[in-house]
Protein backbone atom coordinates (compact mmCIF):
# COMPACT_ATOMS: atom_id res chain seq x y z
CA MET A 1 19.41 62.58 48.89
CA LEU A 2 17.90 59.48 50.09
CA LEU A 3 14.45 61.42 49.53
CA VAL A 4 15.23 61.84 45.91
CA MET A 5 16.15 58.27 45.29
CA LEU A 6 13.19 57.18 46.93
CA CYS A 7 11.00 59.19 44.88
CA TRP A 8 12.76 58.44 41.65
CA ALA A 9 12.52 54.56 42.34
CA LEU A 10 8.57 54.92 42.68
CA ALA A 11 8.41 56.96 39.77
CA MET A 12 10.55 54.29 37.76
CA LEU A 13 8.27 51.40 39.31
CA SER A 14 5.14 53.53 38.25
CA GLY A 15 6.77 53.81 34.52
CA LEU A 16 6.87 50.05 34.69
CA CYS A 17 3.65 49.00 36.48
CA TRP A 18 1.14 51.96 36.98
CA ALA A 19 -0.94 54.48 35.01
CA ARG A 20 0.63 57.43 33.45
CA GLN A 21 -1.06 59.81 36.29
CA TYR A 22 1.04 58.21 38.97
CA THR A 23 4.12 58.39 37.04
CA ALA A 24 3.48 62.28 36.77
CA LEU A 25 2.76 62.62 40.37
CA LEU A 26 5.97 60.63 41.41
CA THR A 27 8.22 62.50 38.88
CA GLY A 28 6.75 65.71 40.12
CA ALA A 29 7.66 64.68 43.70
CA THR A 30 11.10 63.66 42.50
CA VAL A 31 11.48 67.18 41.14
CA LEU A 32 10.35 68.92 44.44
CA ALA A 33 12.51 66.33 46.51
CA VAL A 34 15.73 67.53 44.22
CA MET A 35 14.55 71.24 44.83
CA TRP A 36 14.16 70.76 48.54
CA THR A 37 17.54 69.14 48.90
CA HIS A 38 19.65 71.09 46.54
CA PRO A 39 19.74 74.92 46.21
CA PHE A 40 18.42 76.55 43.26
CA PRO A 41 19.12 78.05 40.77
CA VAL A 42 20.88 75.10 39.21
CA THR A 43 24.16 76.18 37.74
CA GLY A 44 26.17 73.48 36.30
CA TRP A 45 25.54 71.25 33.30
CA ALA A 46 26.18 68.07 35.17
CA GLU A 47 23.28 69.15 37.59
CA TRP A 48 20.88 69.90 34.58
CA LEU A 49 21.64 66.59 33.05
CA ARG A 50 21.32 64.78 36.24
CA LEU A 51 17.86 66.70 36.61
CA ALA A 52 16.68 65.76 33.29
CA ALA A 53 17.70 62.03 33.78
CA LEU A 54 15.57 61.87 36.69
CA VAL A 55 12.63 63.43 35.10
CA VAL A 56 12.99 61.41 31.46
CA THR A 57 13.61 57.86 32.54
CA PRO A 58 10.08 57.01 34.28
CA TRP A 59 8.45 58.41 31.00
CA LEU A 60 10.82 56.26 28.72
CA LEU A 61 9.90 53.28 30.96
CA ALA A 62 6.23 54.24 30.63
CA ALA A 63 6.29 54.62 26.86
CA GLN A 64 7.87 51.22 26.34
CA ARG A 65 5.41 49.61 28.49
CA VAL A 66 2.61 51.29 26.41
CA ARG A 67 4.56 49.86 23.23
CA GLU A 68 4.79 46.27 24.77
CA GLN A 69 1.00 46.60 25.75
CA MET A 70 0.11 47.68 22.23
CA ALA A 71 2.42 44.90 20.70
CA LEU A 72 0.41 42.31 23.10
CA LYS A 73 -2.93 43.72 21.85
CA GLN A 74 -1.86 43.34 18.42
CA LEU A 75 -0.53 39.83 19.22
CA HIS A 76 -3.83 38.96 20.59
CA ALA A 77 -5.51 40.06 17.62
CA GLU A 78 -3.49 38.06 15.25
CA GLU A 79 -4.12 35.11 17.49
CA ALA A 80 -7.81 35.56 17.45
CA VAL A 81 -7.52 35.86 13.64
CA GLN A 82 -5.55 32.66 13.49
CA MET A 83 -8.01 30.83 15.92
CA SER A 84 -10.63 31.93 13.57
CA GLN A 85 -8.80 30.38 10.59
CA LEU A 86 -8.01 27.44 12.34
CA SER A 87 -11.55 27.02 13.23
CA ASP A 88 -12.77 27.34 9.89
CA ALA A 89 -9.87 24.83 8.65
CA ALA A 90 -11.11 22.41 11.24
CA ARG A 91 -14.78 22.72 9.95
CA ALA A 92 -13.51 22.31 6.42
CA LEU A 93 -11.60 19.34 7.70
CA LEU A 94 -14.63 17.56 9.05
CA SER A 95 -16.39 18.18 5.98
CA LEU A 96 -13.73 16.38 3.87
CA GLN A 97 -13.18 13.64 6.38
CA THR A 98 -15.93 11.51 4.60
CA ALA A 99 -14.78 12.50 1.16
CA THR A 100 -11.12 11.41 2.18
CA GLN A 101 -12.26 7.99 3.52
CA GLN A 102 -13.99 7.42 -0.03
CA MET A 103 -10.74 8.72 -1.71
CA GLU A 104 -8.70 6.03 0.58
CA ARG A 105 -10.91 3.11 -0.50
CA GLN A 106 -10.80 4.09 -4.13
CA ILE A 107 -6.81 4.33 -3.61
CA THR A 108 -6.90 0.94 -2.04
CA GLU A 109 -8.79 -0.46 -4.92
CA ILE A 110 -6.51 1.09 -7.57
CA THR A 111 -3.46 0.04 -5.37
CA ASP A 112 -5.10 -3.80 -5.56
CA LEU A 113 -5.78 -3.44 -9.41
CA TYR A 114 -2.20 -2.37 -9.97
CA HIS A 115 -1.06 -5.52 -8.09
CA VAL A 116 -3.56 -7.68 -10.41
CA THR A 117 -1.67 -5.80 -13.43
CA LYS A 118 1.82 -6.52 -11.88
CA GLU A 119 1.10 -10.27 -11.09
CA THR A 120 -0.13 -10.85 -14.42
CA VAL A 121 2.05 -8.54 -16.96
CA ARG A 122 4.74 -11.31 -17.26
CA ALA A 123 2.13 -14.19 -18.06
CA MET A 124 2.64 -15.46 -21.68
CA HIS A 125 0.02 -18.25 -21.61
CA LEU A 126 -3.66 -18.42 -20.29
CA HIS A 127 -2.49 -20.72 -17.53
CA GLU A 128 0.09 -18.21 -16.31
CA LEU A 129 -2.60 -15.24 -16.47
CA PHE A 130 -4.65 -17.40 -14.40
CA ALA A 131 -2.40 -18.56 -11.93
CA ALA A 132 -0.86 -15.04 -11.39
CA SER A 133 -4.32 -13.68 -11.00
CA LEU A 134 -4.82 -16.12 -8.11
CA ASN A 135 -2.10 -14.34 -6.11
CA ILE A 136 -4.19 -11.22 -5.68
CA ALA A 137 -7.79 -12.36 -6.11
CA PRO A 138 -8.54 -13.17 -2.71
CA ARG A 139 -7.86 -9.83 -1.50
CA LEU A 140 -10.03 -8.25 -3.87
CA LEU A 141 -13.05 -10.85 -4.15
CA ASP A 142 -14.77 -12.86 -1.35
CA ALA A 143 -15.66 -15.78 -3.72
CA ARG A 144 -15.48 -19.13 -2.94
CA GLY A 145 -14.20 -20.04 -6.37
CA LEU A 146 -13.06 -18.47 -9.55
CA ARG A 147 -13.11 -19.74 -13.14
CA LEU A 148 -11.71 -18.63 -16.27
CA VAL A 149 -13.23 -19.75 -19.51
CA ASP A 150 -11.23 -19.16 -22.51
CA LEU A 151 -13.44 -18.29 -25.87
CA SER A 152 -10.93 -17.78 -28.13
CA GLY A 153 -10.25 -21.26 -29.43
CA GLN A 154 -12.21 -23.62 -31.52
CA SER A 155 -13.39 -25.12 -28.17
CA LEU A 156 -13.93 -24.08 -24.74
CA ARG A 157 -11.16 -24.22 -22.13
CA VAL A 158 -11.95 -24.01 -18.46
CA LEU A 159 -9.31 -23.14 -15.59
CA ARG A 160 -10.91 -23.37 -12.02
CA ALA A 161 -9.54 -22.37 -8.53
CA THR A 162 -11.22 -22.55 -5.14
CA ARG A 163 -10.92 -21.01 -1.95
CA SER A 164 -8.91 -23.40 0.54
CA ALA A 165 -9.14 -23.04 4.23
CA ASP A 166 -6.30 -20.58 4.80
CA GLY A 167 -8.02 -18.31 2.34
CA ARG A 168 -5.90 -18.62 -0.74
CA MET A 169 -7.34 -19.56 -4.11
CA ALA A 170 -5.78 -22.65 -5.77
CA PRO A 171 -6.78 -24.99 -8.31
CA PRO A 172 -8.38 -28.10 -7.06
CA PRO A 173 -6.39 -31.32 -7.40
CA VAL A 174 -9.40 -33.27 -9.14
CA CYS A 175 -12.57 -31.37 -10.57
CA PRO A 176 -15.53 -33.67 -9.75
CA PRO A 177 -17.98 -34.68 -12.09
CA GLU A 178 -21.50 -32.75 -12.25
CA ALA A 179 -24.11 -34.72 -10.61
CA GLY A 180 -25.87 -37.35 -12.91
CA SER A 181 -22.69 -36.94 -15.24
CA HIS A 182 -21.00 -39.63 -17.15
CA GLY A 183 -17.96 -37.50 -17.62
CA ASN A 184 -15.88 -36.69 -20.64
CA PRO A 185 -12.10 -37.48 -21.33
CA PRO A 186 -9.86 -35.05 -19.62
CA ASP A 187 -7.85 -32.31 -21.47
CA HIS A 188 -10.38 -31.73 -24.17
CA GLY A 189 -12.17 -28.63 -24.86
CA LEU A 190 -15.97 -28.55 -25.61
CA PRO A 191 -17.61 -26.74 -28.61
CA LEU A 192 -19.75 -23.95 -27.44
CA GLY A 193 -23.34 -25.15 -27.60
CA SER A 194 -22.31 -28.76 -27.46
CA PRO A 195 -25.07 -30.90 -25.77
CA ARG A 196 -22.75 -33.06 -23.80
CA THR A 197 -22.37 -32.87 -19.97
CA GLY A 198 -18.92 -31.45 -18.70
CA GLY A 199 -16.94 -34.01 -16.78
CA GLY A 200 -13.97 -33.85 -14.51
CA GLY A 201 -11.13 -32.80 -16.75
CA ALA A 202 -9.23 -29.85 -16.06
CA ASN A 203 -10.27 -28.29 -19.09
CA THR A 204 -13.92 -29.68 -19.84
CA ALA A 205 -16.72 -27.14 -19.73
CA LEU A 206 -19.67 -28.33 -17.24
CA ASP A 207 -23.42 -27.56 -18.08
CA PHE A 208 -23.47 -24.54 -15.87
CA GLU A 209 -20.58 -23.08 -17.03
CA GLN A 210 -21.75 -23.23 -20.72
CA ALA A 211 -24.88 -21.74 -19.55
CA VAL A 212 -22.91 -18.81 -18.14
CA VAL A 213 -21.17 -18.48 -20.87
CA ARG A 214 -24.00 -18.03 -23.08
CA GLN A 215 -25.58 -15.68 -20.84
CA ALA A 216 -22.35 -13.54 -20.96
CA VAL A 217 -21.97 -13.69 -24.56
CA ALA A 218 -25.52 -12.54 -24.93
CA LEU A 219 -25.62 -9.75 -22.37
CA GLY A 220 -21.95 -8.56 -22.97
CA LYS A 221 -21.69 -7.29 -19.38
CA PRO A 222 -21.25 -8.39 -15.74
CA ALA A 223 -24.30 -9.95 -14.26
CA SER A 224 -25.13 -12.52 -11.55
CA ALA A 225 -27.64 -15.58 -11.54
CA THR A 226 -28.94 -18.49 -9.68
CA ALA A 227 -29.39 -22.08 -10.69
CA GLN A 228 -33.17 -21.24 -11.71
CA GLU A 229 -32.20 -18.27 -13.64
CA LEU A 230 -29.49 -20.22 -15.66
CA ALA A 231 -31.94 -23.13 -16.07
CA CYS A 232 -29.27 -25.86 -14.94
CA ALA A 233 -28.23 -27.44 -11.75
CA LEU A 234 -25.16 -25.90 -9.91
CA PRO A 235 -22.59 -27.73 -8.09
CA GLU A 236 -23.50 -28.73 -4.44
CA GLY A 237 -22.91 -25.52 -2.05
CA ILE A 238 -22.71 -22.97 -4.83
CA ALA A 239 -25.87 -20.76 -4.59
CA ARG A 240 -25.26 -18.23 -7.33
CA LEU A 241 -22.65 -17.39 -9.98
CA SER A 242 -21.53 -13.91 -11.05
CA TRP A 243 -19.68 -13.31 -14.21
CA ALA A 244 -18.07 -10.56 -16.13
CA PRO A 245 -16.79 -10.91 -19.77
CA LEU A 246 -13.28 -10.34 -20.93
CA LEU A 247 -13.28 -8.51 -24.22
CA ARG A 248 -11.01 -7.80 -26.94
CA GLU A 249 -12.36 -5.24 -29.62
CA GLN A 250 -15.49 -5.37 -28.22
CA GLN A 251 -15.78 -9.12 -28.85
CA PRO A 252 -15.77 -11.52 -25.86
CA VAL A 253 -12.57 -13.64 -25.80
CA GLY A 254 -13.34 -15.26 -22.16
CA VAL A 255 -15.50 -15.01 -19.21
CA LEU A 256 -14.55 -14.85 -15.52
CA ILE A 257 -16.80 -16.74 -13.09
CA ALA A 258 -17.09 -16.26 -9.43
CA ASP A 259 -18.85 -18.56 -7.03
CA ASP A 260 -20.98 -17.08 -4.53
CA LEU A 261 -19.67 -13.63 -4.61
CA PRO A 262 -21.42 -10.87 -2.75
CA GLU A 263 -23.37 -8.51 -5.06
CA GLU A 264 -21.58 -5.40 -3.82
CA GLN A 265 -18.35 -6.64 -5.15
CA LEU A 266 -19.77 -7.31 -8.71
CA ARG A 267 -18.10 -4.01 -9.94
CA THR A 268 -14.83 -5.08 -8.59
CA LEU A 269 -15.14 -8.47 -10.51
CA MET A 270 -15.87 -6.34 -13.72
CA ILE A 271 -12.88 -4.15 -13.12
CA VAL A 272 -10.71 -7.61 -12.46
CA ALA A 273 -12.16 -8.71 -15.60
CA ASN A 274 -11.15 -5.65 -17.36
CA GLN A 275 -7.57 -5.80 -16.14
CA LEU A 276 -7.58 -9.52 -17.06
CA SER A 277 -8.54 -8.59 -20.64
CA LEU A 278 -5.84 -6.28 -21.36
CA GLN A 279 -3.23 -9.26 -20.62
CA PHE A 280 -5.16 -11.93 -22.20
CA SER A 281 -5.49 -9.66 -25.48
CA ARG A 282 -1.77 -9.15 -25.07
CA ILE A 283 -1.11 -13.06 -24.77
CA LEU A 284 -3.16 -13.45 -28.03
CA LEU A 285 -1.29 -11.13 -29.83
CA TYR A 286 1.88 -12.62 -28.57
CA GLN A 287 0.90 -16.20 -29.56
CA GLN A 288 -0.03 -14.91 -33.08
CA VAL A 289 3.21 -13.16 -33.42
CA GLU A 290 5.08 -15.83 -31.80
CA ALA A 291 3.76 -18.31 -34.31
CA LEU A 292 5.18 -16.09 -37.12
CA ALA A 293 8.43 -14.76 -35.83
CA VAL A 294 11.86 -16.55 -35.94
CA THR A 295 13.72 -14.01 -33.97
CA ASP A 296 13.51 -12.80 -30.53
CA ALA A 297 12.78 -9.11 -30.30
CA LEU A 298 14.80 -8.51 -27.22
CA THR A 299 17.99 -10.45 -27.77
CA GLY A 300 18.07 -10.81 -31.58
CA LEU A 301 18.40 -14.70 -31.10
CA SER A 302 16.08 -17.30 -32.83
CA VAL A 303 12.81 -17.78 -31.12
CA ARG A 304 12.14 -21.35 -29.68
CA GLY A 305 10.21 -22.87 -32.50
CA TYR A 306 12.48 -21.84 -35.12
CA PHE A 307 15.48 -23.45 -33.24
CA LEU A 308 13.50 -26.83 -32.42
CA GLU A 309 12.54 -26.98 -36.23
CA ARG A 310 16.27 -26.29 -37.47
CA ALA A 311 17.63 -28.59 -34.75
CA ARG A 312 15.58 -31.52 -35.71
CA GLU A 313 16.79 -31.21 -39.12
CA GLU A 314 20.37 -31.13 -37.97
CA LEU A 315 20.24 -34.15 -35.72
CA ALA A 316 18.34 -36.04 -38.65
CA ARG A 317 21.41 -35.19 -40.69
CA SER A 318 23.95 -36.17 -38.04
CA LYS A 319 22.12 -39.35 -37.76
CA ARG A 320 22.13 -40.00 -41.31
CA HIS A 321 25.98 -39.47 -41.75
CA GLY A 322 27.04 -40.66 -38.42
CA LEU A 323 28.05 -37.23 -36.67
CA SER A 324 27.73 -35.80 -33.24
CA CYS A 325 26.55 -32.92 -31.81
CA THR A 326 26.03 -31.30 -28.32
CA LEU A 327 23.15 -29.92 -27.03
CA LEU A 328 23.55 -26.99 -24.30
CA MET A 329 21.03 -25.17 -21.80
CA ALA A 330 22.07 -22.22 -20.33
CA ASP A 331 20.43 -20.22 -17.63
CA LEU A 332 21.45 -16.84 -15.93
CA ASP A 333 22.16 -17.19 -12.20
CA LEU A 334 19.90 -15.09 -9.84
CA PHE A 335 18.63 -12.99 -12.77
CA LYS A 336 15.39 -12.30 -10.86
CA GLN A 337 17.25 -10.54 -8.19
CA LYS A 338 18.51 -8.19 -10.74
CA ASN A 339 15.56 -7.36 -12.09
CA ASP A 340 13.84 -6.84 -8.50
CA THR A 341 16.96 -4.75 -7.26
CA PHE A 342 17.61 -2.73 -10.56
CA GLY A 343 14.56 -2.96 -12.66
CA HIS A 344 13.54 -4.69 -15.62
CA LEU A 345 15.32 -2.19 -18.20
CA VAL A 346 18.38 -2.86 -16.40
CA GLY A 347 17.79 -7.04 -16.51
CA ASP A 348 16.93 -6.44 -20.46
CA VAL A 349 20.37 -4.98 -20.95
CA VAL A 350 21.90 -7.83 -18.94
CA LEU A 351 20.00 -10.46 -20.82
CA LYS A 352 20.62 -8.74 -24.17
CA GLU A 353 24.52 -8.51 -23.38
CA VAL A 354 24.78 -12.26 -22.26
CA ALA A 355 22.95 -13.30 -25.54
CA ARG A 356 25.51 -11.31 -27.50
CA LEU A 357 28.54 -12.89 -25.82
CA LEU A 358 27.06 -16.27 -26.54
CA SER A 359 26.31 -15.67 -29.84
CA ASP A 360 29.43 -14.01 -31.07
CA ASN A 361 31.54 -16.94 -29.56
CA LEU A 362 29.79 -19.54 -31.66
CA ARG A 363 30.74 -20.71 -35.10
CA GLU A 364 28.01 -19.59 -37.79
CA ILE A 365 26.66 -22.99 -38.27
CA ASP A 366 25.81 -23.66 -34.71
CA LEU A 367 22.31 -22.83 -33.29
CA ILE A 368 21.23 -20.56 -30.62
CA ALA A 369 17.89 -19.47 -29.45
CA ARG A 370 15.89 -17.84 -26.36
CA PHE A 371 14.52 -20.82 -24.84
CA GLY A 372 12.19 -18.96 -22.65
CA GLY A 373 12.83 -16.23 -20.12
CA GLU A 374 16.47 -16.13 -19.00
CA GLU A 375 17.19 -19.33 -20.61
CA PHE A 376 19.32 -19.93 -23.89
CA ILE A 377 19.28 -23.06 -25.87
CA MET A 378 22.52 -23.70 -28.14
CA LEU A 379 23.31 -26.76 -30.40
CA LEU A 380 27.05 -27.23 -31.46
CA ILE A 381 26.93 -29.25 -34.78
CA GLU A 382 29.43 -31.91 -35.94
CA THR A 383 30.93 -31.54 -32.16
CA SER A 384 31.26 -34.34 -30.02
CA VAL A 385 30.82 -34.12 -26.05
CA ASP A 386 34.63 -34.19 -25.57
CA GLN A 387 35.15 -31.20 -28.05
CA GLY A 388 32.04 -29.35 -26.57
CA MET A 389 32.92 -29.18 -23.16
CA PRO A 390 36.01 -27.06 -23.39
CA ILE A 391 33.84 -24.68 -25.54
CA THR A 392 31.09 -24.63 -22.97
CA GLN A 393 33.42 -23.87 -20.22
CA ARG A 394 34.85 -21.10 -22.36
CA LEU A 395 31.26 -19.42 -22.85
CA LYS A 396 30.96 -19.60 -18.96
CA GLN A 397 34.22 -17.84 -18.40
CA LEU A 398 33.66 -15.21 -21.27
CA VAL A 399 30.26 -14.46 -19.42
CA GLU A 400 31.47 -14.63 -15.82
CA VAL A 401 34.43 -12.08 -16.41
CA HIS A 402 32.58 -9.68 -18.61
CA PRO A 403 31.55 -6.56 -17.22
CA ILE A 404 28.07 -5.27 -18.36
CA ARG A 405 27.13 -1.53 -18.38
CA ALA A 406 23.42 -1.13 -17.93
CA TYR A 407 22.54 2.44 -17.98
CA ASP A 408 24.28 3.75 -14.56
CA GLU A 409 24.75 0.46 -13.30
CA LEU A 410 28.07 -1.74 -13.82
CA LEU A 411 27.18 -5.27 -13.19
CA THR A 412 28.62 -8.83 -13.72
CA GLN A 413 26.62 -12.01 -14.58
CA THR A 414 27.12 -15.71 -14.33
CA ILE A 415 25.60 -18.53 -15.84
CA SER A 416 24.99 -22.24 -15.50
CA ILE A 417 24.94 -24.60 -18.27
CA GLY A 418 23.73 -28.26 -18.67
CA VAL A 419 25.34 -30.42 -21.36
CA ALA A 420 23.96 -33.57 -23.25
CA GLY A 421 25.42 -35.20 -26.34
CA PHE A 422 24.08 -36.73 -29.39
CA PRO A 423 23.89 -39.70 -29.67
CA ASP A 424 25.71 -40.66 -26.38
CA HIS A 425 22.92 -39.16 -24.07
CA GLY A 426 19.93 -39.31 -26.54
CA ASP A 427 19.02 -39.71 -30.04
CA THR A 428 16.01 -37.33 -30.15
CA LEU A 429 15.88 -33.66 -29.77
CA GLU A 430 13.14 -33.96 -26.64
CA THR A 431 15.44 -36.40 -24.97
CA LEU A 432 18.60 -34.03 -25.46
CA ILE A 433 16.71 -30.97 -24.08
CA GLU A 434 15.26 -32.77 -21.02
CA ARG A 435 18.72 -34.38 -20.14
CA ALA A 436 20.37 -31.13 -20.68
CA ASP A 437 17.70 -29.23 -18.56
CA GLN A 438 18.15 -31.90 -15.93
CA ALA A 439 22.13 -30.94 -15.94
CA LEU A 440 21.62 -27.59 -15.73
CA TYR A 441 19.51 -27.89 -12.77
CA ALA A 442 22.24 -30.06 -11.30
CA ALA A 443 24.66 -27.12 -11.81
CA LYS A 444 22.26 -24.92 -10.29
CA ARG A 445 22.15 -27.16 -6.93
CA ALA A 446 25.96 -27.38 -7.18
CA GLY A 447 26.37 -23.67 -6.60
CA ARG A 448 25.47 -21.87 -9.93
CA ASN A 449 28.19 -20.83 -12.20
CA GLN A 450 28.95 -24.48 -13.32
CA VAL A 451 28.85 -26.43 -16.29
CA VAL A 452 27.72 -29.72 -15.62
CA LEU A 453 27.68 -32.75 -18.35
CA TRP A 454 24.51 -35.19 -18.02
CA THR A 455 24.66 -38.53 -16.24
CA GLU A 456 22.41 -40.75 -14.71
CA LYS A 457 22.81 -38.89 -11.39
CA SER A 458 21.82 -35.94 -12.94
CA THR A 459 18.02 -37.13 -12.65
CA LEU A 460 18.46 -37.24 -8.92
CA VAL A 461 16.88 -34.21 -7.20
């Protein structure tokens, strides 16, 4: 029996590890061992079953080993195919690396230009547009300074900025006069082509700026030039000027000028100018519409200019008849945080709802307008300060407790209000607005959601 088990064990080991001929030999040896140790013929079914098991099991192991070897070969073949595909992919990746780097540079440029648009889209006046562009310009342009020339009016207006030691662009505190210049009075524009020499005023066009404007209008495209090419002296330290026109309906409405800009960045200057052209065109259109409109499109309230006109009429009438009026300046508290958190569409809903609450709770004879941004101005006609303060407190409380549904958001909003009375705190509209504004900022300093009546202490910061 021991001999049978030894031969069978070797046959099993052969089925697992060795070639088939060894398995056949050892299986035959197992059968011979059985025949030698047991008498034949085999008579019982149990003995036939045991003999069959001794013969078949080594071949089952051998068949399993063959299947595994075939599966392993298939895996190796698949691995070779995958390695080939991976090698092809690696070669393709290497070939795309340069293109990817170029795309990354383009994405960076597009992102920066997106920030130009984002920074300037809120500007409603040219100086706001220029100031907003200075926040992003140092990241795009390696110029020593920037100049924005406005050609939309009857005379030139020039806004300037220089690069400081920390790399930021900022308007210079004083614009020095050109060498040999006698100077012009500040804050006056200069007609295009005027022979006068520019001086130190913030809006005064200098000789070389006029020359650049003439070149930009004549060429209608970005370019660079030296002092010799411009046929005029440049300020000390500036060797070359680059410019790009701001176009509206194919007509120049401004010129963006860069001091000592590297030649390879001229295209970037052109793209920035194109972005500013879009915003400048919007500003010009806004100013045109603003001059004609009397109703604010967002809130439905009167616009600032119409309010000022009506308020002056009411103050003149009150002065003639010895009546009192109360002026209110209201501002939404922390409104910018709502815009930044929930977006401008939600902010617009909040602004409109507050405007509706204020308007609905005033008399028809009272005046209310959107003064700018999130500020409102109101004039309570034939109302003394003593009468107006409870009304103002009620307006503040109405806004404070009113829930505002803005799309999927349910919000609340508070306001701060500054109050000035006519004639107690001033006898002109400008004085009343100034003092109500001072009281408003005193309310802000006191913690917001306040109503503050103007006093002499309100002027203290």
